Amino acid sequence: MTDTDRMTASATFAAGAEFLLTDQHRDPLAGRAERPARPVEPGPIAVLPTASEFFTEAVVAGGGLVAPLDERTRGLVWLSEKRADELTAILDAHPAIGWVQLPWAGVDGFATVLERYADGSGPLFTSAKGAYSEPVAEHAVALAQAVLRELAPKARAAAWAPVRTGLSLYGRHVVIVGAGGIAAELLRLLRPYRVRTTIVRRAATPMEGADRTVTTDALHEVLPTADVLILAAASTADTRALIGAPELALLPATAALVNIARGALVDQLALAAALREGRLLGAGLDVTTPEPLDADHPLWAEPRCLITSHSADTPEMTAPLLARRITENVRGFVGAGGFVGIVDPAAGY
């Protein structure tokens, strides 16, 4: 979804909040506030770059005072996925701002801002990481089943298939790259399918619910036995093109690749080549780079590539979750001192 789409969505929230199913999804990190390394001074909160009544009310619900940006501002709720330059300028002009709430789970769009504060200086940044786990994990499972069942090529074929094909998710080996909230929700959703699960993460700490947990340097070891590879990791310098030609060559020809993280995690030209040459059963991509994907990109021409245009978490799904995250963090900002979704500027997530 483009930044313009996100801003349009914010306007939609303000105008039609009564249609939102506010209890449809839960935030698995709700109630798990952590205290930052440095205390944050409370004060008036600005909602920018375009104030939304829906999210302004979320600030008020947490006990915050919403006011225009000025020298008294101490908190900032930023509702644009991009516009990092504008956010940088605001923070430079208002160094007294001690807390910034970013709108989405991934903060790669603010990499240039976070890099400036990698030494621990500057404001506390929080994001929506973990909040959108349920809808995104649900979409990942849907894509995995769609690829295994070959729904994309069957839907494009305008003719009755001469042979019935497709694979079942039951009993498969699912490799998940990432160990955040989406991965945790995936493990929960996949349990009824009696799959074998392997988590690939930076730390060797076992992840609850996974059959096996390995570090990133063991990725090549687990790929040859993966029936489904799901990417659910943050986009950082270390994960850029994590899945390239060498990794795709290690996957079985019957494997399904699902990316609901960020497009930068995959070498898309290498993926197109693997699909074209029949070295992969198929791919389900909710994210690409760039977004939208160029109209002449070879992935569009691959019948076994299902692209869902960054719709795993639609505005109707994310707005209530973000609002609740804002409310909880405002409570921490004005009194309790704890925050959910604290961002590590040095790590980039």
Protein backbone atom coordinates (compact mmCIF):
# COMPACT_ATOMS: atom_id res chain seq x y z
CA MET A 1 0.00 0.00 0.00
CA THR A 2 1.43 3.38 -0.98
CA ASP A 3 1.75 6.32 1.39
CA THR A 4 -1.12 8.06 -0.40
CA ASP A 5 -3.27 5.00 0.21
CA ARG A 6 -2.35 5.03 3.89
CA MET A 7 -3.28 8.68 4.24
CA THR A 8 -6.55 8.09 2.43
CA ALA A 9 -7.17 5.24 4.82
CA SER A 10 -6.67 7.60 7.77
CA ALA A 11 -9.33 9.89 6.37
CA THR A 12 -11.61 6.89 5.95
CA PHE A 13 -11.10 5.95 9.61
CA ALA A 14 -12.09 9.42 10.74
CA ALA A 15 -15.23 9.44 8.61
CA GLY A 16 -16.43 5.90 9.12
CA ALA A 17 -15.06 4.59 12.38
CA GLU A 18 -18.48 3.25 13.33
CA PHE A 19 -18.09 0.51 10.73
CA LEU A 20 -14.87 -0.83 12.25
CA LEU A 21 -15.00 -4.15 14.10
CA THR A 22 -12.91 -2.99 17.04
CA ASP A 23 -12.93 -6.39 18.79
CA GLN A 24 -12.27 -8.51 15.73
CA HIS A 25 -8.54 -8.92 16.35
CA ARG A 26 -6.44 -8.91 19.48
CA ASP A 27 -3.03 -7.37 19.99
CA PRO A 28 -0.84 -10.12 21.50
CA LEU A 29 1.47 -7.53 23.06
CA ALA A 30 -1.30 -5.56 24.76
CA GLY A 31 -0.61 -5.27 28.48
CA ARG A 32 3.08 -6.10 28.04
CA ALA A 33 4.48 -2.62 28.41
CA GLU A 34 8.19 -2.19 29.07
CA ARG A 35 9.99 0.74 30.61
CA PRO A 36 12.42 2.53 28.31
CA ALA A 37 16.07 2.99 29.24
CA ARG A 38 15.45 6.67 29.89
CA PRO A 39 12.29 8.20 31.39
CA VAL A 40 10.12 10.27 29.05
CA GLU A 41 8.76 13.65 30.10
CA PRO A 42 4.97 13.81 29.58
CA GLY A 43 3.22 16.75 27.97
CA PRO A 44 0.99 17.77 25.05
CA ILE A 45 0.79 15.37 22.10
CA ALA A 46 0.62 16.37 18.44
CA VAL A 47 -1.08 14.11 15.88
CA LEU A 48 0.58 14.57 12.47
CA PRO A 49 1.08 15.03 9.57
CA THR A 50 -2.70 15.02 9.08
CA ALA A 51 -4.79 14.72 12.22
CA SER A 52 -7.43 12.02 12.19
CA GLU A 53 -10.38 12.23 14.55
CA PHE A 54 -10.26 8.48 15.01
CA PHE A 55 -6.67 8.46 16.24
CA THR A 56 -7.02 11.75 18.08
CA GLU A 57 -9.75 10.11 20.13
CA ALA A 58 -7.36 7.23 20.81
CA VAL A 59 -4.92 9.71 22.36
CA VAL A 60 -7.65 11.27 24.49
CA ALA A 61 -8.79 7.80 25.60
CA GLY A 62 -5.33 7.24 27.03
CA GLY A 63 -5.48 10.45 29.02
CA GLY A 64 -3.38 12.51 26.64
CA LEU A 65 -3.77 16.17 25.75
CA VAL A 66 -3.86 16.71 21.98
CA ALA A 67 -2.49 20.09 20.94
CA PRO A 68 -0.92 21.72 17.88
CA LEU A 69 2.80 21.26 17.41
CA ASP A 70 4.76 23.93 19.32
CA GLU A 71 7.54 24.30 21.87
CA ARG A 72 5.38 22.60 24.54
CA THR A 73 4.95 19.39 22.51
CA ARG A 74 6.41 16.33 24.20
CA GLY A 75 4.73 13.49 22.34
CA LEU A 76 4.10 12.88 18.63
CA VAL A 77 1.77 10.40 16.93
CA TRP A 78 2.95 10.13 13.31
CA LEU A 79 0.31 8.72 10.96
CA SER A 80 2.24 8.61 7.69
CA GLU A 81 4.11 5.49 6.62
CA LYS A 82 6.68 7.59 4.80
CA ARG A 83 7.54 11.32 4.87
CA ALA A 84 10.65 10.56 6.91
CA ASP A 85 12.27 13.83 5.83
CA GLU A 86 9.37 15.79 7.25
CA LEU A 87 9.51 13.86 10.52
CA THR A 88 13.26 14.50 10.73
CA ALA A 89 12.72 18.22 10.27
CA ILE A 90 10.08 18.27 13.02
CA LEU A 91 12.34 16.46 15.47
CA ASP A 92 15.21 18.82 14.65
CA ALA A 93 13.00 21.85 15.24
CA HIS A 94 11.44 20.42 18.41
CA PRO A 95 14.16 18.60 20.37
CA ALA A 96 11.94 18.52 23.48
CA ILE A 97 9.77 15.80 21.88
CA GLY A 98 10.51 12.71 23.93
CA TRP A 99 8.22 10.09 22.41
CA VAL A 100 7.20 9.29 18.83
CA GLN A 101 4.57 6.70 17.95
CA LEU A 102 5.10 5.31 14.44
CA PRO A 103 2.09 3.89 12.59
CA TRP A 104 3.09 0.48 11.27
CA ALA A 105 4.80 -2.67 12.45
CA GLY A 106 7.70 -2.28 10.03
CA VAL A 107 9.79 0.87 10.49
CA ASP A 108 12.10 0.51 7.48
CA GLY A 109 10.45 3.57 5.95
CA PHE A 110 11.96 5.57 8.82
CA ALA A 111 15.45 4.08 8.60
CA THR A 112 17.08 7.45 7.95
CA VAL A 113 15.37 8.90 11.01
CA LEU A 114 16.28 6.02 13.30
CA GLU A 115 19.92 5.97 12.16
CA ARG A 116 20.36 9.48 13.53
CA TYR A 117 19.48 8.20 17.00
CA ALA A 118 21.27 4.84 16.89
CA ASP A 119 23.48 6.02 19.78
CA GLY A 120 20.46 6.17 22.09
CA SER A 121 19.99 9.92 21.91
CA GLY A 122 16.76 11.56 20.82
CA PRO A 123 13.19 10.50 21.47
CA LEU A 124 11.76 7.13 22.37
CA PHE A 125 10.26 5.50 19.28
CA THR A 126 7.42 3.01 19.47
CA SER A 127 5.74 1.21 16.60
CA ALA A 128 2.78 -1.07 16.00
CA LYS A 129 5.02 -4.13 15.85
CA GLY A 130 3.13 -7.19 16.98
CA ALA A 131 -0.25 -5.45 16.84
CA TYR A 132 -1.14 -6.68 13.35
CA SER A 133 0.00 -10.26 13.92
CA GLU A 134 -3.41 -11.89 13.63
CA PRO A 135 -4.55 -10.53 10.23
CA VAL A 136 -1.07 -10.84 8.70
CA ALA A 137 -0.56 -14.42 9.91
CA GLU A 138 -4.05 -15.31 8.66
CA HIS A 139 -3.12 -13.98 5.23
CA ALA A 140 0.16 -15.90 5.25
CA VAL A 141 -1.64 -19.18 5.88
CA ALA A 142 -4.12 -18.35 3.11
CA LEU A 143 -1.27 -17.68 0.67
CA ALA A 144 0.51 -20.88 1.68
CA GLN A 145 -2.59 -22.95 1.01
CA ALA A 146 -3.29 -21.11 -2.23
CA VAL A 147 0.20 -21.87 -3.52
CA LEU A 148 0.14 -25.51 -2.41
CA ARG A 149 -3.30 -26.00 -3.95
CA GLU A 150 -2.14 -24.20 -7.15
CA LEU A 151 -5.05 -21.78 -7.03
CA ALA A 152 -3.27 -19.05 -9.03
CA PRO A 153 -2.57 -21.08 -12.20
CA LYS A 154 -5.95 -22.82 -11.96
CA ALA A 155 -7.78 -19.50 -11.69
CA ARG A 156 -5.91 -18.11 -14.72
CA ALA A 157 -6.51 -21.17 -16.94
CA ALA A 158 -9.97 -20.40 -18.47
CA ALA A 159 -10.39 -24.12 -19.11
CA TRP A 160 -11.17 -27.26 -17.14
CA ALA A 161 -7.96 -28.84 -15.88
CA PRO A 162 -7.33 -32.29 -17.39
CA VAL A 163 -5.62 -33.50 -14.21
CA ARG A 164 -6.42 -32.76 -10.58
CA THR A 165 -3.34 -31.36 -8.84
CA GLY A 166 -2.46 -29.66 -5.59
CA LEU A 167 -0.77 -30.39 -2.29
CA SER A 168 -2.18 -30.40 1.24
CA LEU A 169 -0.74 -28.32 4.06
CA TYR A 170 -1.29 -31.12 6.57
CA GLY A 171 1.89 -32.70 7.88
CA ARG A 172 4.23 -30.42 5.95
CA HIS A 173 7.48 -28.85 7.13
CA VAL A 174 6.98 -25.11 7.50
CA VAL A 175 10.04 -22.90 7.89
CA ILE A 176 9.35 -19.43 9.28
CA VAL A 177 12.01 -16.73 9.08
CA GLY A 178 11.42 -14.33 11.95
CA ALA A 179 10.39 -14.76 15.56
CA GLY A 180 8.10 -11.83 16.27
CA GLY A 181 4.38 -11.59 16.81
CA ILE A 182 3.49 -12.79 13.31
CA ALA A 183 5.62 -15.91 13.75
CA ALA A 184 4.01 -16.63 17.10
CA GLU A 185 0.53 -16.30 15.60
CA LEU A 186 1.54 -18.47 12.65
CA LEU A 187 2.62 -21.22 15.02
CA ARG A 188 -0.79 -21.04 16.70
CA LEU A 189 -2.76 -21.06 13.44
CA LEU A 190 -0.73 -23.91 11.95
CA ARG A 191 -1.11 -26.22 14.93
CA PRO A 192 -4.31 -27.95 13.68
CA TYR A 193 -2.52 -28.88 10.44
CA ARG A 194 -0.04 -31.06 12.37
CA VAL A 195 2.86 -29.42 10.56
CA ARG A 196 6.50 -29.58 11.63
CA THR A 197 7.78 -26.08 12.24
CA THR A 198 11.25 -24.56 12.20
CA ILE A 199 11.87 -20.97 13.28
CA VAL A 200 14.88 -19.13 11.85
CA ARG A 201 15.93 -16.18 13.97
CA ARG A 202 18.97 -14.14 14.99
CA ALA A 203 19.16 -15.59 18.51
CA ALA A 204 19.40 -19.28 19.37
CA THR A 205 16.70 -18.98 22.05
CA PRO A 206 14.01 -21.61 21.36
CA MET A 207 10.65 -20.16 20.36
CA GLU A 208 7.65 -21.50 22.21
CA GLY A 209 5.45 -23.64 19.97
CA ALA A 210 8.11 -24.36 17.36
CA ASP A 211 9.48 -27.85 16.88
CA ARG A 212 12.92 -26.43 16.17
CA THR A 213 14.61 -23.04 16.41
CA VAL A 214 17.82 -22.26 14.53
CA THR A 215 19.90 -19.14 13.95
CA THR A 216 20.08 -17.37 10.62
CA ASP A 217 23.41 -18.95 9.75
CA ALA A 218 21.63 -22.33 9.64
CA LEU A 219 19.12 -21.16 7.02
CA HIS A 220 20.81 -23.13 4.23
CA GLU A 221 20.64 -26.22 6.40
CA VAL A 222 16.85 -26.17 6.76
CA LEU A 223 15.81 -24.98 3.29
CA PRO A 224 16.24 -28.35 1.50
CA THR A 225 13.53 -29.91 3.69
CA ALA A 226 11.10 -26.96 3.64
CA ASP A 227 7.69 -27.56 2.09
CA VAL A 228 6.61 -24.00 2.91
CA LEU A 229 8.94 -21.05 3.53
CA ILE A 230 7.26 -18.06 5.17
CA LEU A 231 9.14 -14.78 5.53
CA ALA A 232 8.07 -12.81 8.60
CA ALA A 233 11.23 -10.92 9.53
CA ALA A 234 11.95 -7.21 9.73
CA SER A 235 13.57 -5.49 6.76
CA THR A 236 17.09 -4.51 7.77
CA ALA A 237 20.50 -4.39 6.13
CA ASP A 238 21.05 -7.96 7.33
CA THR A 239 17.84 -9.34 5.80
CA ARG A 240 17.99 -7.57 2.44
CA ALA A 241 17.90 -10.22 -0.34
CA LEU A 242 17.98 -12.90 2.34
CA ILE A 243 16.28 -15.20 -0.15
CA GLY A 244 18.25 -15.02 -3.39
CA ALA A 245 19.33 -17.42 -6.12
CA PRO A 246 21.42 -19.64 -3.78
CA GLU A 247 18.59 -20.00 -1.28
CA LEU A 248 15.95 -20.63 -3.95
CA ALA A 249 18.19 -23.35 -5.41
CA LEU A 250 18.14 -25.15 -2.07
CA LEU A 251 14.35 -25.29 -1.85
CA PRO A 252 12.57 -28.39 -3.19
CA ALA A 253 10.78 -27.99 -6.52
CA THR A 254 7.52 -28.66 -4.63
CA ALA A 255 8.06 -25.88 -2.10
CA ALA A 256 5.90 -22.80 -1.62
CA LEU A 257 7.41 -19.40 -0.82
CA VAL A 258 5.29 -16.86 1.09
CA ASN A 259 6.41 -13.31 1.85
CA ILE A 260 4.28 -11.18 4.14
CA ALA A 261 7.22 -9.22 5.58
CA ARG A 262 8.88 -6.78 3.16
CA GLY A 263 9.70 -7.13 -0.51
CA ALA A 264 13.37 -6.39 0.12
CA LEU A 265 13.84 -9.80 1.76
CA VAL A 266 13.59 -11.50 -1.66
CA ASP A 267 15.67 -11.18 -4.82
CA GLN A 268 12.60 -10.86 -7.05
CA LEU A 269 14.41 -11.42 -10.35
CA ALA A 270 15.90 -14.64 -8.97
CA LEU A 271 12.43 -15.67 -7.81
CA ALA A 272 10.96 -14.99 -11.25
CA ALA A 273 13.68 -17.14 -12.82
CA ALA A 274 13.04 -19.99 -10.38
CA LEU A 275 9.32 -19.92 -11.15
CA ARG A 276 9.89 -19.67 -14.89
CA GLU A 277 12.22 -22.67 -14.82
CA GLY A 278 9.90 -24.79 -12.68
CA ARG A 279 12.27 -24.93 -9.72
CA LEU A 280 9.56 -23.87 -7.27
CA LEU A 281 5.92 -24.85 -6.92
CA GLY A 282 4.86 -21.24 -6.52
CA ALA A 283 5.07 -18.01 -4.56
CA GLY A 284 2.55 -15.97 -2.60
CA LEU A 285 3.67 -12.37 -2.21
CA ASP A 286 1.80 -9.74 -0.26
CA VAL A 287 4.79 -7.41 -0.40
CA THR A 288 7.18 -6.42 -3.18
CA THR A 289 9.84 -3.84 -3.87
CA PRO A 290 8.90 -1.36 -5.09
CA GLU A 291 5.23 -1.09 -4.20
CA PRO A 292 3.40 -1.16 -6.47
CA LEU A 293 5.54 -3.54 -8.49
CA ASP A 294 6.47 -2.20 -11.90
CA ALA A 295 3.87 -3.14 -14.50
CA ASP A 296 6.48 -4.88 -16.68
CA HIS A 297 8.10 -6.86 -13.87
CA PRO A 298 8.47 -10.54 -14.83
CA LEU A 299 6.71 -11.72 -11.68
CA TRP A 300 3.38 -10.48 -13.07
CA ALA A 301 3.79 -12.89 -15.98
CA GLU A 302 4.40 -15.94 -13.79
CA PRO A 303 1.15 -17.93 -13.45
CA ARG A 304 2.42 -19.53 -10.23
CA CYS A 305 3.05 -16.21 -8.54
CA LEU A 306 0.12 -14.87 -6.53
CA ILE A 307 0.52 -11.18 -5.64
CA THR A 308 -1.99 -9.63 -3.23
CA SER A 309 -0.81 -5.99 -3.26
CA HIS A 310 0.00 -5.50 0.43
CA SER A 311 -3.46 -6.31 1.69
CA ALA A 312 -2.66 -8.73 4.51
CA ASP A 313 -3.58 -5.98 6.93
CA THR A 314 -6.23 -3.71 5.44
CA PRO A 315 -7.07 -0.32 7.00
CA GLU A 316 -10.27 -1.78 8.44
CA MET A 317 -8.16 -4.36 10.29
CA THR A 318 -5.27 -2.17 11.37
CA ALA A 319 -7.06 1.00 12.45
CA PRO A 320 -8.60 -0.43 15.65
CA LEU A 321 -5.35 -2.20 16.51
CA LEU A 322 -3.27 0.94 16.00
CA ALA A 323 -5.77 3.00 17.97
CA ARG A 324 -5.55 0.61 20.90
CA ARG A 325 -1.74 0.62 20.72
CA ILE A 326 -1.78 4.43 20.75
CA THR A 327 -4.12 4.51 23.74
CA GLU A 328 -1.96 2.09 25.71
CA ASN A 329 1.23 3.98 24.95
CA VAL A 330 -0.36 7.33 25.81
CA ARG A 331 -1.23 5.89 29.22
CA GLY A 332 2.42 4.98 29.65
CA PHE A 333 3.48 8.40 28.42
CA VAL A 334 1.30 10.41 30.81
CA GLY A 335 1.72 8.27 33.89
CA ALA A 336 2.59 4.59 34.01
CA GLY A 337 5.94 4.94 32.25
CA GLY A 338 5.74 1.71 30.25
CA PHE A 339 5.43 1.42 26.46
CA VAL A 340 4.55 -1.36 24.01
CA GLY A 341 6.43 -1.85 20.77
CA ILE A 342 9.63 -0.01 21.69
CA VAL A 343 11.88 0.38 18.65
CA ASP A 344 15.64 -0.16 18.82
CA PRO A 345 17.03 2.55 16.48
CA ALA A 346 20.37 0.77 16.22
CA ALA A 347 18.79 -2.54 15.14
CA GLY A 348 16.21 -0.86 12.89
CA TYR A 349 13.12 -2.54 14.37
